[in-house]
Amino acid sequence: MNKNYSLEEILEIAIRIEEDGVVFYESLANRTKNKEAVEIFRYLAGEEKEHIAVFKSIYKDLTGRRFDKAFNEEEANLYLHSLVENRVFKNQKEIKEFVEDARAELSAIELAIQIEKDTILYYYEILEGLEDREKNLVKEIISQEKTHIYRLTNLKNILRG
């Protein structure tokens, strides 16, 4: 199965990544007792919602259609398929179950940092297929994702004491 993704499918994956991020951060915010952690997780969930809006806008600009379908994993090329297949979570139910079962906030934060890094790598990969306007929007999202890593790393250091 060596099918190349269309730009629509690439954007669908980006939307799904961000939707999963919202569920992950909201679940963490609802579980933690640390006030600073709650604030950061809610902030990050809000940022991910903004990213969804940006990708949906790009999708509409490029296709002329409103985004309304989910990514079909069976239509993946090798690189992107392996990226999606190797994601920590296959669906949003797994995200919620992980957060409920997480023994320590530090491990959840470390996982969040890794997810943010993987997301940045994916966004760098999709830049080539975009026009300048869309490319600049995705570069801004990359910058925000880097800020997420910084904030999560600071939170991890604070919780360590």
Protein backbone atom coordinates (compact mmCIF):
# COMPACT_ATOMS: atom_id res chain seq x y z
CA MET A 1 0.00 0.00 0.00
CA ASN A 2 2.13 2.84 -1.29
CA LYS A 3 -0.44 5.53 -2.01
CA ASN A 4 0.56 9.15 -1.79
CA TYR A 5 -1.61 11.39 0.32
CA SER A 6 -3.52 14.20 -1.24
CA LEU A 7 -3.22 17.62 0.38
CA GLU A 8 -6.78 17.10 1.68
CA GLU A 9 -5.75 13.91 3.46
CA ILE A 10 -2.65 15.57 4.91
CA LEU A 11 -4.86 18.31 6.35
CA GLU A 12 -7.31 15.72 7.66
CA ILE A 13 -4.46 14.10 9.59
CA ALA A 14 -3.40 17.47 11.00
CA ILE A 15 -6.97 18.12 12.16
CA ARG A 16 -7.14 14.70 13.79
CA ILE A 17 -3.81 15.26 15.57
CA GLU A 18 -5.11 18.54 16.99
CA GLU A 19 -8.49 17.02 17.97
CA ASP A 20 -6.65 14.31 19.87
CA GLY A 21 -4.55 17.02 21.54
CA VAL A 22 -7.70 18.78 22.78
CA VAL A 23 -9.02 15.56 24.33
CA PHE A 24 -5.62 14.77 25.87
CA TYR A 25 -5.08 18.18 27.47
CA GLU A 26 -8.69 18.55 28.64
CA SER A 27 -8.52 15.09 30.20
CA LEU A 28 -5.28 15.98 31.98
CA ALA A 29 -6.75 19.29 33.20
CA ASN A 30 -9.78 17.48 34.62
CA ARG A 31 -7.63 14.91 36.41
CA THR A 32 -4.85 16.93 38.00
CA LYS A 33 -5.09 18.71 41.33
CA ASN A 34 -2.15 21.05 40.69
CA LYS A 35 -3.55 24.52 39.94
CA GLU A 36 -0.65 25.53 37.67
CA ALA A 37 -0.90 22.26 35.72
CA VAL A 38 -4.66 22.74 35.24
CA GLU A 39 -4.02 26.23 33.89
CA ILE A 40 -1.36 25.05 31.43
CA PHE A 41 -3.39 22.05 30.24
CA ARG A 42 -6.47 24.23 29.63
CA TYR A 43 -4.32 26.76 27.78
CA LEU A 44 -2.84 24.02 25.58
CA ALA A 45 -6.29 22.59 24.83
CA GLY A 46 -7.38 26.06 23.74
CA GLU A 47 -4.36 26.39 21.48
CA GLU A 48 -5.11 23.03 19.88
CA LYS A 49 -8.68 24.21 19.19
CA GLU A 50 -7.26 27.27 17.44
CA HIS A 51 -5.02 25.01 15.35
CA ILE A 52 -8.05 22.97 14.30
CA ALA A 53 -9.73 26.15 13.09
CA VAL A 54 -6.62 27.13 11.10
CA PHE A 55 -6.34 23.73 9.41
CA LYS A 56 -10.07 23.71 8.64
CA SER A 57 -9.71 27.16 7.09
CA ILE A 58 -6.77 26.00 4.96
CA TYR A 59 -8.82 22.95 3.96
CA LYS A 60 -11.72 25.15 2.87
CA ASP A 61 -9.43 27.55 0.98
CA LEU A 62 -7.78 24.71 -0.92
CA THR A 63 -10.84 22.54 -1.60
CA GLY A 64 -13.71 25.02 -1.62
CA ARG A 65 -15.47 22.68 0.82
CA ARG A 66 -16.03 22.76 4.54
CA PHE A 67 -14.09 20.06 6.38
CA ASP A 68 -16.42 17.28 7.46
CA LYS A 69 -14.71 13.92 7.14
CA ALA A 70 -12.26 12.02 9.24
CA PHE A 71 -8.96 10.66 8.05
CA ASN A 72 -9.20 7.17 6.55
CA GLU A 73 -6.11 5.31 7.74
CA GLU A 74 -6.30 2.83 4.87
CA GLU A 75 -5.41 5.54 2.36
CA ALA A 76 -1.97 6.28 3.78
CA ASN A 77 1.40 6.23 2.06
CA LEU A 78 4.29 4.52 3.85
CA TYR A 79 5.74 7.46 5.75
CA LEU A 80 2.52 9.04 6.93
CA HIS A 81 0.87 5.68 7.50
CA SER A 82 3.68 4.63 9.82
CA LEU A 83 3.50 7.98 11.59
CA VAL A 84 -0.19 7.54 12.27
CA GLU A 85 0.12 3.84 13.10
CA ASN A 86 2.86 4.51 15.64
CA ARG A 87 0.98 7.24 17.42
CA VAL A 88 0.59 6.58 21.09
CA PHE A 89 -3.19 6.72 20.86
CA LYS A 90 -5.28 5.17 18.12
CA ASN A 91 -8.45 7.01 19.16
CA GLN A 92 -9.79 9.48 21.68
CA LYS A 93 -11.13 6.74 23.97
CA GLU A 94 -7.56 5.50 24.45
CA ILE A 95 -6.47 9.03 25.35
CA LYS A 96 -9.05 9.27 28.12
CA GLU A 97 -8.19 5.78 29.40
CA PHE A 98 -4.48 6.65 29.54
CA VAL A 99 -5.13 9.81 31.49
CA GLU A 100 -7.37 7.95 33.95
CA ASP A 101 -4.72 5.26 34.42
CA ALA A 102 -1.71 7.59 34.55
CA ARG A 103 0.10 7.03 37.81
CA ALA A 104 2.02 10.27 37.80
CA GLU A 105 1.60 13.67 36.26
CA LEU A 106 5.26 13.66 35.29
CA SER A 107 4.84 10.67 32.98
CA ALA A 108 1.80 12.31 31.36
CA ILE A 109 3.77 15.52 30.85
CA GLU A 110 6.70 13.62 29.35
CA LEU A 111 4.29 11.92 26.96
CA ALA A 112 2.76 15.30 26.07
CA ILE A 113 6.23 16.64 25.25
CA GLN A 114 6.91 13.67 22.97
CA ILE A 115 3.55 14.09 21.23
CA GLU A 116 4.28 17.78 20.65
CA LYS A 117 7.68 16.86 19.14
CA ASP A 118 6.09 14.28 16.84
CA THR A 119 3.47 16.80 15.79
CA ILE A 120 6.16 19.35 14.92
CA LEU A 121 7.94 16.77 12.76
CA TYR A 122 4.70 16.03 10.93
CA TYR A 123 4.01 19.71 10.30
CA TYR A 124 7.50 20.21 8.89
CA GLU A 125 6.76 17.34 6.48
CA ILE A 126 3.55 18.91 5.19
CA LEU A 127 5.06 22.34 4.50
CA GLU A 128 6.28 21.33 1.04
CA GLY A 129 2.76 20.81 -0.31
CA LEU A 130 1.43 24.19 0.77
CA GLU A 131 1.24 27.59 -0.89
CA ASP A 132 3.00 30.53 0.78
CA ARG A 133 -0.05 31.78 2.72
CA GLU A 134 -0.84 28.31 4.10
CA LYS A 135 2.84 27.60 4.66
CA ASN A 136 3.10 30.70 6.86
CA LEU A 137 0.07 29.63 8.90
CA VAL A 138 1.57 26.17 9.50
CA LYS A 139 4.93 27.72 10.43
CA GLU A 140 3.09 29.79 13.05
CA ILE A 141 1.48 26.62 14.40
CA ILE A 142 4.92 24.98 14.53
CA SER A 143 6.16 27.94 16.55
CA GLN A 144 3.23 27.55 18.94
CA GLU A 145 3.88 23.81 19.29
CA LYS A 146 7.49 24.62 20.23
CA THR A 147 6.13 26.96 22.89
CA HIS A 148 3.98 24.10 24.16
CA ILE A 149 7.13 22.02 24.67
CA TYR A 150 8.74 24.88 26.58
CA ARG A 151 5.68 25.31 28.83
CA LEU A 152 5.39 21.58 29.45
CA THR A 153 9.10 21.32 30.27
CA ASN A 154 8.77 24.18 32.76
CA LEU A 155 5.75 22.50 34.34
CA LYS A 156 7.66 19.22 34.59
CA ASN A 157 10.53 21.02 36.35
CA ILE A 158 8.13 22.74 38.76
CA LEU A 159 6.42 19.46 39.65
CA ARG A 160 9.77 17.79 40.22
CA GLY A 161 10.49 20.44 42.81
